């Protein structure tokens, strides 16, 4: 299954079960990994609002934020020597 097929299936799952936090969560991950960060964050927010006690959704938030901090630190070291 390619990335386009995966996205189609995530969207289909969300249409069929819009209240299913896991579908939003995995679609968010797909979007983030493919570089569509703001769309991914929107899906993560939806997932979190649907299941605020989910450990995996909150862990994804932490991983995403840690990744952004790491990238920012690398960029500042390259630009600032």
PDB file of N, CA and C in Angstrom:
ATOM      1  N   UNK A   1       0.845  -1.167   0.000  1.00  0.00           N
ATOM      2  CA  UNK A   1       0.000   0.000   0.000  1.00  0.00           C
ATOM      3  C   UNK A   1       0.897   1.239   0.000  1.00  0.00           C
ATOM      4  N   UNK A   2       0.653   2.144  -0.925  1.00  0.00           N
ATOM      5  CA  UNK A   2       1.418   3.375  -1.002  1.00  0.00           C
ATOM      6  C   UNK A   2       0.847   4.446  -0.088  1.00  0.00           C
ATOM      7  N   UNK A   3       1.556   5.574  -0.019  1.00  0.00           N
ATOM      8  CA  UNK A   3       1.112   6.666   0.847  1.00  0.00           C
ATOM      9  C   UNK A   3      -0.241   7.218   0.438  1.00  0.00           C
ATOM     10  N   UNK A   4      -0.478   7.311  -0.880  1.00  0.00           N
ATOM     11  CA  UNK A   4      -1.771   7.803  -1.362  1.00  0.00           C
ATOM     12  C   UNK A   4      -2.912   6.885  -0.972  1.00  0.00           C
ATOM     13  N   UNK A   5      -2.662   5.583  -1.075  1.00  0.00           N
ATOM     14  CA  UNK A   5      -3.681   4.606  -0.680  1.00  0.00           C
ATOM     15  C   UNK A   5      -3.942   4.671   0.816  1.00  0.00           C
ATOM     16  N   UNK A   6      -2.877   4.821   1.583  1.00  0.00           N
ATOM     17  CA  UNK A   6      -3.027   4.907   3.040  1.00  0.00           C
ATOM     18  C   UNK A   6      -3.867   6.117   3.414  1.00  0.00           C
ATOM     19  N   UNK A   7      -3.564   7.253   2.798  1.00  0.00           N
ATOM     20  CA  UNK A   7      -4.328   8.464   3.113  1.00  0.00           C
ATOM     21  C   UNK A   7      -5.804   8.279   2.780  1.00  0.00           C
ATOM     22  N   UNK A   8      -6.073   7.654   1.651  1.00  0.00           N
ATOM     23  CA  UNK A   8      -7.458   7.398   1.243  1.00  0.00           C
ATOM     24  C   UNK A   8      -8.174   6.553   2.294  1.00  0.00           C
ATOM     25  N   UNK A   9      -7.504   5.548   2.820  1.00  0.00           N
ATOM     26  CA  UNK A   9      -8.108   4.674   3.824  1.00  0.00           C
ATOM     27  C   UNK A   9      -8.308   5.386   5.159  1.00  0.00           C
ATOM     28  N   UNK A  10      -7.354   6.223   5.553  1.00  0.00           N
ATOM     29  CA  UNK A  10      -7.536   7.004   6.783  1.00  0.00           C
ATOM     30  C   UNK A  10      -8.758   7.908   6.661  1.00  0.00           C
ATOM     31  N   UNK A  11      -8.868   8.606   5.538  1.00  0.00           N
ATOM     32  CA  UNK A  11     -10.003   9.502   5.327  1.00  0.00           C
ATOM     33  C   UNK A  11     -11.318   8.726   5.338  1.00  0.00           C
ATOM     34  N   UNK A  12     -11.312   7.559   4.730  1.00  0.00           N
ATOM     35  CA  UNK A  12     -12.514   6.718   4.691  1.00  0.00           C
ATOM     36  C   UNK A  12     -12.909   6.298   6.108  1.00  0.00           C
ATOM     37  N   UNK A  13     -11.925   5.897   6.895  1.00  0.00           N
ATOM     38  CA  UNK A  13     -12.204   5.501   8.280  1.00  0.00           C
ATOM     39  C   UNK A  13     -12.815   6.654   9.062  1.00  0.00           C
ATOM     40  N   UNK A  14     -12.300   7.855   8.842  1.00  0.00           N
ATOM     41  CA  UNK A  14     -12.802   9.023   9.561  1.00  0.00           C
ATOM     42  C   UNK A  14     -14.221   9.372   9.124  1.00  0.00           C
ATOM     43  N   UNK A  15     -14.517   9.205   7.837  1.00  0.00           N
ATOM     44  CA  UNK A  15     -15.884   9.451   7.357  1.00  0.00           C
ATOM     45  C   UNK A  15     -16.846   8.432   7.972  1.00  0.00           C
ATOM     46  N   UNK A  16     -16.421   7.164   8.019  1.00  0.00           N
ATOM     47  CA  UNK A  16     -17.284   6.115   8.564  1.00  0.00           C
ATOM     48  C   UNK A  16     -17.458   6.225  10.075  1.00  0.00           C
ATOM     49  N   UNK A  17     -16.387   6.618  10.784  1.00  0.00           N
ATOM     50  CA  UNK A  17     -16.399   6.695  12.242  1.00  0.00           C
ATOM     51  C   UNK A  17     -15.732   7.999  12.696  1.00  0.00           C
ATOM     52  N   UNK A  18     -16.409   9.127  12.528  1.00  0.00           N
ATOM     53  CA  UNK A  18     -15.772  10.418  12.846  1.00  0.00           C
ATOM     54  C   UNK A  18     -15.380  10.579  14.311  1.00  0.00           C
ATOM     55  N   UNK A  19     -15.983   9.816  15.196  1.00  0.00           N
ATOM     56  CA  UNK A  19     -15.657   9.920  16.606  1.00  0.00           C
ATOM     57  C   UNK A  19     -14.575   8.953  17.073  1.00  0.00           C
ATOM     58  N   UNK A  20     -13.931   8.265  16.125  1.00  0.00           N
ATOM     59  CA  UNK A  20     -12.909   7.272  16.461  1.00  0.00           C
ATOM     60  C   UNK A  20     -11.548   7.967  16.551  1.00  0.00           C
ATOM     61  N   UNK A  21     -11.112   8.226  17.775  1.00  0.00           N
ATOM     62  CA  UNK A  21      -9.880   8.981  18.005  1.00  0.00           C
ATOM     63  C   UNK A  21      -8.664   8.319  17.360  1.00  0.00           C
ATOM     64  N   UNK A  22      -8.607   7.003  17.367  1.00  0.00           N
ATOM     65  CA  UNK A  22      -7.453   6.296  16.813  1.00  0.00           C
ATOM     66  C   UNK A  22      -7.289   6.567  15.324  1.00  0.00           C
ATOM     67  N   UNK A  23      -8.378   6.660  14.590  1.00  0.00           N
ATOM     68  CA  UNK A  23      -8.285   6.975  13.157  1.00  0.00           C
ATOM     69  C   UNK A  23      -7.682   8.358  12.951  1.00  0.00           C
ATOM     70  N   UNK A  24      -8.127   9.310  13.744  1.00  0.00           N
ATOM     71  CA  UNK A  24      -7.577  10.668  13.651  1.00  0.00           C
ATOM     72  C   UNK A  24      -6.100  10.676  14.051  1.00  0.00           C
ATOM     73  N   UNK A  25      -5.770   9.895  15.078  1.00  0.00           N
ATOM     74  CA  UNK A  25      -4.395   9.824  15.553  1.00  0.00           C
ATOM     75  C   UNK A  25      -3.457   9.288  14.479  1.00  0.00           C
ATOM     76  N   UNK A  26      -3.804   8.178  13.868  1.00  0.00           N
ATOM     77  CA  UNK A  26      -2.923   7.590  12.859  1.00  0.00           C
ATOM     78  C   UNK A  26      -2.890   8.416  11.577  1.00  0.00           C
ATOM     79  N   UNK A  27      -3.999   9.061  11.246  1.00  0.00           N
ATOM     80  CA  UNK A  27      -3.992   9.965  10.098  1.00  0.00           C
ATOM     81  C   UNK A  27      -3.080  11.153  10.401  1.00  0.00           C
ATOM     82  N   UNK A  28      -3.114  11.646  11.637  1.00  0.00           N
ATOM     83  CA  UNK A  28      -2.211  12.740  12.043  1.00  0.00           C
ATOM     84  C   UNK A  28      -0.765  12.318  11.863  1.00  0.00           C
ATOM     85  N   UNK A  29      -0.427  11.128  12.316  1.00  0.00           N
ATOM     86  CA  UNK A  29       0.936  10.618  12.186  1.00  0.00           C
ATOM     87  C   UNK A  29       1.341  10.557  10.718  1.00  0.00           C
ATOM     88  N   UNK A  30       0.446  10.053   9.884  1.00  0.00           N
ATOM     89  CA  UNK A  30       0.699   9.977   8.441  1.00  0.00           C
ATOM     90  C   UNK A  30       0.988  11.376   7.869  1.00  0.00           C
ATOM     91  N   UNK A  31       0.159  12.338   8.238  1.00  0.00           N
ATOM     92  CA  UNK A  31       0.341  13.703   7.733  1.00  0.00           C
ATOM     93  C   UNK A  31       1.663  14.302   8.198  1.00  0.00           C
ATOM     94  N   UNK A  32       2.004  14.110   9.455  1.00  0.00           N
ATOM     95  CA  UNK A  32       3.251  14.659   9.991  1.00  0.00           C
ATOM     96  C   UNK A  32       4.453  14.034   9.289  1.00  0.00           C
ATOM     97  N   UNK A  33       4.428  12.723   9.135  1.00  0.00           N
ATOM     98  CA  UNK A  33       5.544  12.021   8.496  1.00  0.00           C
ATOM     99  C   UNK A  33       5.720  12.443   7.039  1.00  0.00           C
ATOM    100  N   UNK A  34       4.626  12.788   6.383  1.00  0.00           N
ATOM    101  CA  UNK A  34       4.709  13.211   4.982  1.00  0.00           C
ATOM    102  C   UNK A  34       4.903  14.719   4.834  1.00  0.00           C
ATOM    103  N   UNK A  35       5.183  15.399   5.964  1.00  0.00           N
ATOM    104  CA  UNK A  35       5.534  16.814   5.901  1.00  0.00           C
ATOM    105  C   UNK A  35       4.377  17.784   5.981  1.00  0.00           C
ATOM    106  N   UNK A  36       3.185  17.291   6.198  1.00  0.00           N
ATOM    107  CA  UNK A  36       2.005  18.153   6.282  1.00  0.00           C
ATOM    108  C   UNK A  36       1.694  18.415   7.760  1.00  0.00           C
ATOM    109  N   UNK A  37       2.623  19.150   8.361  1.00  0.00           N
ATOM    110  CA  UNK A  37       2.649  19.325   9.810  1.00  0.00           C
ATOM    111  C   UNK A  37       1.377  19.983  10.349  1.00  0.00           C
ATOM    112  N   UNK A  38       0.960  21.091   9.782  1.00  0.00           N
ATOM    113  CA  UNK A  38      -0.202  21.799  10.335  1.00  0.00           C
ATOM    114  C   UNK A  38      -1.470  20.961  10.220  1.00  0.00           C
ATOM    115  N   UNK A  39      -1.616  20.212   9.132  1.00  0.00           N
ATOM    116  CA  UNK A  39      -2.768  19.320   8.996  1.00  0.00           C
ATOM    117  C   UNK A  39      -2.696  18.194  10.031  1.00  0.00           C
ATOM    118  N   UNK A  40      -1.491  17.689  10.245  1.00  0.00           N
ATOM    119  CA  UNK A  40      -1.294  16.638  11.229  1.00  0.00           C
ATOM    120  C   UNK A  40      -1.618  17.111  12.629  1.00  0.00           C
ATOM    121  N   UNK A  41      -1.201  18.323  12.955  1.00  0.00           N
ATOM    122  CA  UNK A  41      -1.500  18.884  14.273  1.00  0.00           C
ATOM    123  C   UNK A  41      -3.002  19.033  14.462  1.00  0.00           C
ATOM    124  N   UNK A  42      -3.690  19.461  13.420  1.00  0.00           N
ATOM    125  CA  UNK A  42      -5.154  19.583  13.503  1.00  0.00           C
ATOM    126  C   UNK A  42      -5.797  18.228  13.783  1.00  0.00           C
ATOM    127  N   UNK A  43      -5.313  17.182  13.126  1.00  0.00           N
ATOM    128  CA  UNK A  43      -5.848  15.843  13.370  1.00  0.00           C
ATOM    129  C   UNK A  43      -5.511  15.356  14.777  1.00  0.00           C
ATOM    130  N   UNK A  44      -4.304  15.672  15.252  1.00  0.00           N
ATOM    131  CA  UNK A  44      -3.928  15.301  16.623  1.00  0.00           C
ATOM    132  C   UNK A  44      -4.822  15.994  17.641  1.00  0.00           C
ATOM    133  N   UNK A  45      -5.133  17.258  17.389  1.00  0.00           N
ATOM    134  CA  UNK A  45      -6.027  17.988  18.288  1.00  0.00           C
ATOM    135  C   UNK A  45      -7.408  17.343  18.311  1.00  0.00           C
ATOM    136  N   UNK A  46      -7.875  16.924  17.142  1.00  0.00           N
ATOM    137  CA  UNK A  46      -9.168  16.246  17.081  1.00  0.00           C
ATOM    138  C   UNK A  46      -9.119  14.940  17.854  1.00  0.00           C
ATOM    139  N   UNK A  47      -8.057  14.162  17.641  1.00  0.00           N
ATOM    140  CA  UNK A  47      -7.910  12.888  18.348  1.00  0.00           C
ATOM    141  C   UNK A  47      -7.894  13.115  19.855  1.00  0.00           C
ATOM    142  N   UNK A  48      -7.152  14.119  20.281  1.00  0.00           N
ATOM    143  CA  UNK A  48      -7.052  14.404  21.713  1.00  0.00           C
ATOM    144  C   UNK A  48      -8.397  14.850  22.291  1.00  0.00           C
ATOM    145  N   UNK A  49      -9.148  15.627  21.523  1.00  0.00           N
ATOM    146  CA  UNK A  49     -10.453  16.067  22.027  1.00  0.00           C
ATOM    147  C   UNK A  49     -11.434  14.894  22.130  1.00  0.00           C
ATOM    148  N   UNK A  50     -11.280  13.906  21.252  1.00  0.00           N
ATOM    149  CA  UNK A  50     -12.152  12.735  21.284  1.00  0.00           C
ATOM    150  C   UNK A  50     -11.778  11.763  22.394  1.00  0.00           C
ATOM    151  N   UNK A  51     -10.491  11.699  22.719  1.00  0.00           N
ATOM    152  CA  UNK A  51     -10.012  10.772  23.757  1.00  0.00           C
ATOM    153  C   UNK A  51      -8.901  11.443  24.567  1.00  0.00           C
ATOM    154  N   UNK A  52      -9.273  12.367  25.443  1.00  0.00           N
ATOM    155  CA  UNK A  52      -8.264  13.147  26.178  1.00  0.00           C
ATOM    156  C   UNK A  52      -7.410  12.330  27.144  1.00  0.00           C
ATOM    157  N   UNK A  53      -7.819  11.117  27.472  1.00  0.00           N
ATOM    158  CA  UNK A  53      -7.053  10.296  28.404  1.00  0.00           C
ATOM    159  C   UNK A  53      -6.141   9.292  27.703  1.00  0.00           C
ATOM    160  N   UNK A  54      -6.111   9.313  26.388  1.00  0.00           N
ATOM    161  CA  UNK A  54      -5.293   8.360  25.635  1.00  0.00           C
ATOM    162  C   UNK A  54      -3.807   8.622  25.836  1.00  0.00           C
ATOM    163  N   UNK A  55      -3.115   7.613  26.320  1.00  0.00           N
ATOM    164  CA  UNK A  55      -1.670   7.742  26.524  1.00  0.00           C
ATOM    165  C   UNK A  55      -0.913   7.825  25.206  1.00  0.00           C
ATOM    166  N   UNK A  56      -1.337   7.063  24.204  1.00  0.00           N
ATOM    167  CA  UNK A  56      -0.623   7.059  22.919  1.00  0.00           C
ATOM    168  C   UNK A  56      -0.778   8.401  22.199  1.00  0.00           C
ATOM    169  N   UNK A  57      -1.934   9.010  22.298  1.00  0.00           N
ATOM    170  CA  UNK A  57      -2.124  10.320  21.660  1.00  0.00           C
ATOM    171  C   UNK A  57      -1.264  11.362  22.353  1.00  0.00           C
ATOM    172  N   UNK A  58      -1.234  11.369  23.675  1.00  0.00           N
ATOM    173  CA  UNK A  58      -0.385  12.341  24.377  1.00  0.00           C
ATOM    174  C   UNK A  58       1.093  12.052  24.128  1.00  0.00           C
ATOM    175  N   UNK A  59       1.461  10.779  23.984  1.00  0.00           N
ATOM    176  CA  UNK A  59       2.857  10.438  23.672  1.00  0.00           C
ATOM    177  C   UNK A  59       3.238  10.947  22.287  1.00  0.00           C
ATOM    178  N   UNK A  60       2.314  10.889  21.345  1.00  0.00           N
ATOM    179  CA  UNK A  60       2.588  11.407  20.000  1.00  0.00           C
ATOM    180  C   UNK A  60       2.838  12.900  20.066  1.00  0.00           C
ATOM    181  N   UNK A  61       2.062  13.616  20.882  1.00  0.00           N
ATOM    182  CA  UNK A  61       2.284  15.052  21.066  1.00  0.00           C
ATOM    183  C   UNK A  61       3.693  15.308  21.579  1.00  0.00           C
ATOM    184  N   UNK A  62       4.097  14.529  22.604  1.00  0.00           N
ATOM    185  CA  UNK A  62       5.435  14.717  23.176  1.00  0.00           C
ATOM    186  C   UNK A  62       6.520  14.415  22.156  1.00  0.00           C
ATOM    187  N   UNK A  63       6.355  13.338  21.387  1.00  0.00           N
ATOM    188  CA  UNK A  63       7.356  12.988  20.371  1.00  0.00           C
ATOM    189  C   UNK A  63       7.439  14.069  19.301  1.00  0.00           C
ATOM    190  N   UNK A  64       6.293  14.580  18.876  1.00  0.00           N
ATOM    191  CA  UNK A  64       6.276  15.615  17.851  1.00  0.00           C
ATOM    192  C   UNK A  64       6.960  16.876  18.361  1.00  0.00           C
ATOM    193  N   UNK A  65       6.647  17.276  19.585  1.00  0.00           N
ATOM    194  CA  UNK A  65       7.267  18.480  20.157  1.00  0.00           C
ATOM    195  C   UNK A  65       8.768  18.279  20.340  1.00  0.00           C
ATOM    196  N   UNK A  66       9.177  17.122  20.813  1.00  0.00           N
ATOM    197  CA  UNK A  66      10.607  16.838  20.986  1.00  0.00           C
ATOM    198  C   UNK A  66      11.326  16.884  19.646  1.00  0.00           C
ATOM    199  N   UNK A  67      10.681  16.376  18.617  1.00  0.00           N
ATOM    200  CA  UNK A  67      11.270  16.403  17.278  1.00  0.00           C
ATOM    201  C   UNK A  67      11.453  17.835  16.796  1.00  0.00           C
ATOM    202  N   UNK A  68      10.444  18.672  17.018  1.00  0.00           N
ATOM    203  CA  UNK A  68      10.540  20.077  16.606  1.00  0.00           C
ATOM    204  C   UNK A  68      11.649  20.796  17.363  1.00  0.00           C
ATOM    205  N   UNK A  69      11.776  20.523  18.655  1.00  0.00           N
ATOM    206  CA  UNK A  69      12.829  21.143  19.463  1.00  0.00           C
ATOM    207  C   UNK A  69      14.197  20.705  18.958  1.00  0.00           C
ATOM    208  N   UNK A  70      14.336  19.425  18.657  1.00  0.00           N
ATOM    209  CA  UNK A  70      15.596  18.899  18.152  1.00  0.00           C
ATOM    210  C   UNK A  70      15.966  19.545  16.824  1.00  0.00           C
ATOM    211  N   UNK A  71      14.989  19.656  15.921  1.00  0.00           N
ATOM    212  CA  UNK A  71      15.252  20.275  14.612  1.00  0.00           C
ATOM    213  C   UNK A  71      15.637  21.734  14.790  1.00  0.00           C
ATOM    214  N   UNK A  72      14.965  22.437  15.692  1.00  0.00           N
ATOM    215  CA  UNK A  72      15.273  23.848  15.945  1.00  0.00           C
ATOM    216  C   UNK A  72      16.690  23.991  16.480  1.00  0.00           C
ATOM    217  N   UNK A  73      17.068  23.115  17.408  1.00  0.00           N
ATOM    218  CA  UNK A  73      18.415  23.163  17.965  1.00  0.00           C
ATOM    219  C   UNK A  73      19.464  22.886  16.893  1.00  0.00           C
ATOM    220  N   UNK A  74      19.208  21.929  16.005  1.00  0.00           N
ATOM    221  CA  UNK A  74      20.153  21.620  14.938  1.00  0.00           C
ATOM    222  C   UNK A  74      20.293  22.798  13.993  1.00  0.00           C
ATOM    223  N   UNK A  75      19.169  23.423  13.674  1.00  0.00           N
ATOM    224  CA  UNK A  75      19.207  24.575  12.759  1.00  0.00           C
ATOM    225  C   UNK A  75      19.966  25.733  13.387  1.00  0.00           C
ATOM    226  N   UNK A  76      19.772  25.980  14.678  1.00  0.00           N
ATOM    227  CA  UNK A  76      20.466  27.099  15.312  1.00  0.00           C
ATOM    228  C   UNK A  76      21.970  26.812  15.398  1.00  0.00           C
ATOM    229  N   UNK A  77      22.364  25.547  15.572  1.00  0.00           N
ATOM    230  CA  UNK A  77      23.782  25.224  15.607  1.00  0.00           C
ATOM    231  C   UNK A  77      24.412  25.402  14.238  1.00  0.00           C
ATOM    232  N   UNK A  78      23.692  25.052  13.179  1.00  0.00           N
ATOM    233  CA  UNK A  78      24.236  25.212  11.823  1.00  0.00           C
ATOM    234  C   UNK A  78      24.335  26.683  11.477  1.00  0.00           C
ATOM    235  N   UNK A  79      23.290  27.442  11.775  1.00  0.00           N
ATOM    236  CA  UNK A  79      23.300  28.868  11.452  1.00  0.00           C
ATOM    237  C   UNK A  79      24.160  29.699  12.378  1.00  0.00           C
ATOM    238  N   UNK A  80      24.256  29.265  13.636  1.00  0.00           N
ATOM    239  CA  UNK A  80      25.009  30.048  14.607  1.00  0.00           C
ATOM    240  C   UNK A  80      26.375  29.493  14.922  1.00  0.00           C
ATOM    241  N   UNK A  81      26.801  28.472  14.181  1.00  0.00           N
ATOM    242  CA  UNK A  81      28.088  27.799  14.331  1.00  0.00           C
ATOM    243  C   UNK A  81      28.111  26.969  15.538  1.00  0.00           C
TER     244      UNK A  81
END
